[in-house]
C-alpha cells in the first residue's frame, strides 16, 4: 500500500534584532536566519505529514517526518544552503 504524499509550507521570520539558527531534523542540517530575512520552508514526501517545531536557546528546530524532503528558500526565491 502506498503512503499518501503530503506537503507542508512554513514561513519563518525573526522579530529580534539578531539572527537565529534553524536546525532541520532528523538530518541535523542548519541554516542561519538573518534579522529581517524570511525563509519559505517546504517539507514534502510520503508519510504522516506531521511537522514538529521547537524553540531552542539560540533558534528553532524543524522536525520533518520519516521519508520527507525539506527545501528552504529566501525572500528572493533562492535556495538556502543548509549545512
N, C-alpha and C. Protein backbone atom coordinates (compact mmCIF):
# COMPACT_ATOMS: atom_id res chain seq x y z
N UNK A 1 0.84 -1.18 0.00
CA UNK A 1 0.00 0.00 0.00
C UNK A 1 0.89 1.25 0.00
N UNK A 2 0.60 2.18 -0.86
CA UNK A 2 1.38 3.41 -0.99
C UNK A 2 0.91 4.43 0.03
N UNK A 3 1.87 5.08 0.69
CA UNK A 3 1.53 6.13 1.64
C UNK A 3 1.16 7.40 0.90
N UNK A 4 0.22 8.17 1.42
CA UNK A 4 -0.14 9.44 0.77
C UNK A 4 1.03 10.42 0.82
N UNK A 5 1.11 11.27 -0.19
CA UNK A 5 2.14 12.30 -0.27
C UNK A 5 1.60 13.58 0.38
N UNK A 6 2.36 14.13 1.30
CA UNK A 6 1.96 15.36 1.99
C UNK A 6 2.96 16.47 1.70
N UNK A 7 2.49 17.70 1.75
CA UNK A 7 3.34 18.86 1.60
C UNK A 7 2.92 19.92 2.61
N UNK A 8 3.91 20.45 3.34
CA UNK A 8 3.66 21.46 4.35
C UNK A 8 4.58 22.64 4.06
N UNK A 9 4.03 23.86 4.12
CA UNK A 9 4.84 25.05 3.91
C UNK A 9 4.81 25.90 5.17
N UNK A 10 5.98 26.42 5.52
CA UNK A 10 6.13 27.30 6.69
C UNK A 10 6.83 28.57 6.25
N UNK A 11 6.46 29.67 6.84
CA UNK A 11 7.17 30.93 6.63
C UNK A 11 7.84 31.28 7.95
N UNK A 12 9.17 31.40 7.92
CA UNK A 12 9.93 31.70 9.13
C UNK A 12 10.49 33.11 9.06
N UNK A 13 10.32 33.85 10.12
CA UNK A 13 10.90 35.19 10.24
C UNK A 13 11.44 35.33 11.66
N UNK A 14 12.31 36.29 11.85
CA UNK A 14 12.76 36.60 13.20
C UNK A 14 12.35 38.03 13.52
N UNK A 15 11.75 38.22 14.66
CA UNK A 15 11.32 39.54 15.10
C UNK A 15 12.37 40.20 15.99
N UNK A 16 13.41 39.46 16.29
CA UNK A 16 14.50 40.00 17.10
C UNK A 16 15.46 40.79 16.21
N UNK A 17 16.32 41.54 16.82
CA UNK A 17 17.32 42.31 16.08
C UNK A 17 18.58 41.52 15.82
N UNK A 18 18.48 40.21 15.89
CA UNK A 18 19.65 39.37 15.66
C UNK A 18 19.24 38.11 14.91
N UNK A 19 20.23 37.47 14.33
CA UNK A 19 19.98 36.24 13.59
C UNK A 19 19.66 35.09 14.53
N UNK A 20 19.12 34.03 13.97
CA UNK A 20 18.92 32.81 14.75
C UNK A 20 19.26 31.61 13.87
N UNK A 21 19.57 30.52 14.50
CA UNK A 21 19.90 29.28 13.80
C UNK A 21 18.63 28.44 13.68
N UNK A 22 18.40 27.91 12.47
CA UNK A 22 17.29 27.00 12.25
C UNK A 22 17.89 25.64 11.95
N UNK A 23 17.55 24.66 12.75
CA UNK A 23 18.03 23.29 12.57
C UNK A 23 16.93 22.45 11.96
N UNK A 24 17.31 21.58 11.05
CA UNK A 24 16.34 20.72 10.36
C UNK A 24 16.66 19.27 10.71
N UNK A 25 15.75 18.65 11.43
CA UNK A 25 15.92 17.27 11.89
C UNK A 25 15.03 16.34 11.08
N UNK A 26 15.42 15.11 10.92
CA UNK A 26 16.42 14.37 11.69
C UNK A 26 17.83 14.41 11.09
N UNK A 27 18.03 15.12 9.99
CA UNK A 27 19.33 15.10 9.32
C UNK A 27 20.38 15.98 9.98
N UNK A 28 19.96 16.90 10.84
CA UNK A 28 20.91 17.75 11.55
C UNK A 28 21.42 18.93 10.73
N UNK A 29 20.79 19.21 9.60
CA UNK A 29 21.21 20.35 8.77
C UNK A 29 20.83 21.66 9.47
N UNK A 30 21.57 22.73 9.17
CA UNK A 30 21.30 24.02 9.79
C UNK A 30 21.42 25.14 8.77
N UNK A 31 20.71 26.23 9.03
CA UNK A 31 20.82 27.46 8.25
C UNK A 31 20.67 28.62 9.22
N UNK A 32 21.36 29.72 8.91
CA UNK A 32 21.25 30.92 9.73
C UNK A 32 20.19 31.83 9.12
N UNK A 33 19.20 32.20 9.92
CA UNK A 33 18.15 33.13 9.51
C UNK A 33 18.54 34.52 9.98
N UNK A 34 19.02 35.38 9.04
CA UNK A 34 19.44 36.72 9.45
C UNK A 34 18.25 37.57 9.89
N UNK A 35 18.51 38.56 10.71
CA UNK A 35 17.45 39.51 11.10
C UNK A 35 16.91 40.16 9.84
N UNK A 36 15.61 40.24 9.72
CA UNK A 36 14.96 40.87 8.58
C UNK A 36 14.75 39.97 7.38
N UNK A 37 15.28 38.76 7.39
CA UNK A 37 15.11 37.82 6.28
C UNK A 37 13.88 36.96 6.51
N UNK A 38 13.39 36.35 5.46
CA UNK A 38 12.26 35.43 5.51
C UNK A 38 12.69 34.13 4.86
N UNK A 39 12.41 33.01 5.50
CA UNK A 39 12.64 31.70 4.91
C UNK A 39 11.28 31.08 4.59
N UNK A 40 11.14 30.57 3.36
CA UNK A 40 9.99 29.76 2.98
C UNK A 40 10.47 28.31 3.04
N UNK A 41 9.89 27.54 3.93
CA UNK A 41 10.30 26.15 4.13
C UNK A 41 9.19 25.25 3.59
N UNK A 42 9.57 24.33 2.70
CA UNK A 42 8.61 23.37 2.17
C UNK A 42 9.11 21.98 2.51
N UNK A 43 8.26 21.23 3.18
CA UNK A 43 8.57 19.85 3.55
C UNK A 43 7.55 18.97 2.84
N UNK A 44 8.03 17.98 2.10
CA UNK A 44 7.11 17.12 1.36
C UNK A 44 7.63 15.70 1.29
N UNK A 45 6.71 14.79 1.11
CA UNK A 45 7.07 13.39 0.96
C UNK A 45 5.97 12.49 1.46
N UNK A 46 6.18 11.20 1.30
CA UNK A 46 5.20 10.23 1.80
C UNK A 46 5.26 10.16 3.32
N UNK A 47 4.18 9.77 3.92
CA UNK A 47 4.17 9.64 5.38
C UNK A 47 3.04 10.41 6.00
N UNK A 48 3.16 10.68 7.30
CA UNK A 48 2.03 11.27 8.03
C UNK A 48 1.90 12.78 7.88
N UNK A 49 2.94 13.47 7.40
CA UNK A 49 2.85 14.91 7.17
C UNK A 49 2.85 15.77 8.42
N UNK A 50 3.33 15.22 9.52
CA UNK A 50 3.36 15.99 10.77
C UNK A 50 4.74 16.62 10.94
N UNK A 51 4.76 17.94 11.12
CA UNK A 51 6.00 18.70 11.31
C UNK A 51 6.06 19.12 12.78
N UNK A 52 7.22 18.93 13.38
CA UNK A 52 7.41 19.36 14.76
C UNK A 52 8.27 20.63 14.75
N UNK A 53 7.81 21.68 15.41
CA UNK A 53 8.55 22.93 15.51
C UNK A 53 8.84 23.17 16.99
N UNK A 54 10.13 23.33 17.29
CA UNK A 54 10.54 23.52 18.68
C UNK A 54 11.41 24.76 18.80
N UNK A 55 11.27 25.46 19.90
CA UNK A 55 12.10 26.62 20.21
C UNK A 55 13.28 26.13 21.04
N UNK A 56 14.47 26.53 20.63
CA UNK A 56 15.68 26.19 21.38
C UNK A 56 16.35 27.49 21.83
N UNK A 57 17.38 27.37 22.63
CA UNK A 57 18.04 28.55 23.20
C UNK A 57 18.45 29.57 22.13
N UNK A 58 19.02 29.10 21.02
CA UNK A 58 19.53 30.02 20.00
C UNK A 58 18.75 29.98 18.69
N UNK A 59 17.60 29.35 18.67
CA UNK A 59 16.86 29.30 17.41
C UNK A 59 15.72 28.32 17.43
N UNK A 60 15.43 27.79 16.25
CA UNK A 60 14.32 26.87 16.05
C UNK A 60 14.81 25.52 15.57
N UNK A 61 14.02 24.50 15.86
CA UNK A 61 14.26 23.17 15.33
C UNK A 61 13.01 22.76 14.58
N UNK A 62 13.18 22.43 13.30
CA UNK A 62 12.07 21.99 12.46
C UNK A 62 12.28 20.50 12.21
N UNK A 63 11.34 19.68 12.65
CA UNK A 63 11.47 18.23 12.51
C UNK A 63 10.54 17.71 11.43
N UNK A 64 11.14 17.17 10.35
CA UNK A 64 10.33 16.59 9.29
C UNK A 64 9.98 15.15 9.64
N UNK A 65 9.02 14.59 8.97
CA UNK A 65 8.62 13.21 9.20
C UNK A 65 9.52 12.27 8.38
N UNK A 66 9.50 10.98 8.71
CA UNK A 66 10.32 9.98 8.02
C UNK A 66 9.98 9.97 6.54
N UNK A 67 11.02 10.00 5.70
CA UNK A 67 10.85 9.93 4.26
C UNK A 67 10.61 11.27 3.59
N UNK A 68 10.55 12.36 4.35
CA UNK A 68 10.26 13.68 3.79
C UNK A 68 11.54 14.35 3.32
N UNK A 69 11.37 15.38 2.51
CA UNK A 69 12.47 16.19 1.99
C UNK A 69 12.16 17.65 2.31
N UNK A 70 13.17 18.39 2.76
CA UNK A 70 12.99 19.80 3.12
C UNK A 70 13.73 20.68 2.12
N UNK A 71 13.05 21.75 1.68
CA UNK A 71 13.65 22.76 0.81
C UNK A 71 13.42 24.12 1.45
N UNK A 72 14.47 24.94 1.47
CA UNK A 72 14.41 26.26 2.11
C UNK A 72 14.79 27.31 1.07
N UNK A 73 13.96 28.36 0.98
CA UNK A 73 14.24 29.47 0.06
C UNK A 73 14.20 30.78 0.83
N UNK A 74 14.97 31.76 0.37
CA UNK A 74 14.94 33.08 0.99
C UNK A 74 13.85 33.93 0.33
N UNK A 75 13.73 35.19 0.73
CA UNK A 75 12.66 36.06 0.22
C UNK A 75 12.77 36.32 -1.27
N UNK A 76 13.95 36.11 -1.86
CA UNK A 76 14.14 36.31 -3.30
C UNK A 76 13.86 35.03 -4.09
N UNK A 77 13.50 33.97 -3.39
CA UNK A 77 13.20 32.70 -4.04
C UNK A 77 14.41 31.83 -4.30
N UNK A 78 15.56 32.23 -3.76
CA UNK A 78 16.80 31.47 -3.94
C UNK A 78 16.87 30.37 -2.89
N UNK A 79 17.38 29.20 -3.32
CA UNK A 79 17.59 28.11 -2.36
C UNK A 79 18.61 28.53 -1.32
N UNK A 80 18.31 28.21 -0.07
CA UNK A 80 19.23 28.48 1.04
C UNK A 80 20.04 27.21 1.29
N UNK A 81 21.35 27.36 1.33
CA UNK A 81 22.21 26.21 1.63
C UNK A 81 22.04 25.82 3.09
N UNK A 82 21.73 24.58 3.31
CA UNK A 82 21.66 24.09 4.68
C UNK A 82 22.84 23.15 4.87
N UNK A 83 23.57 23.36 5.94
CA UNK A 83 24.83 22.63 6.16
C UNK A 83 24.75 21.76 7.36
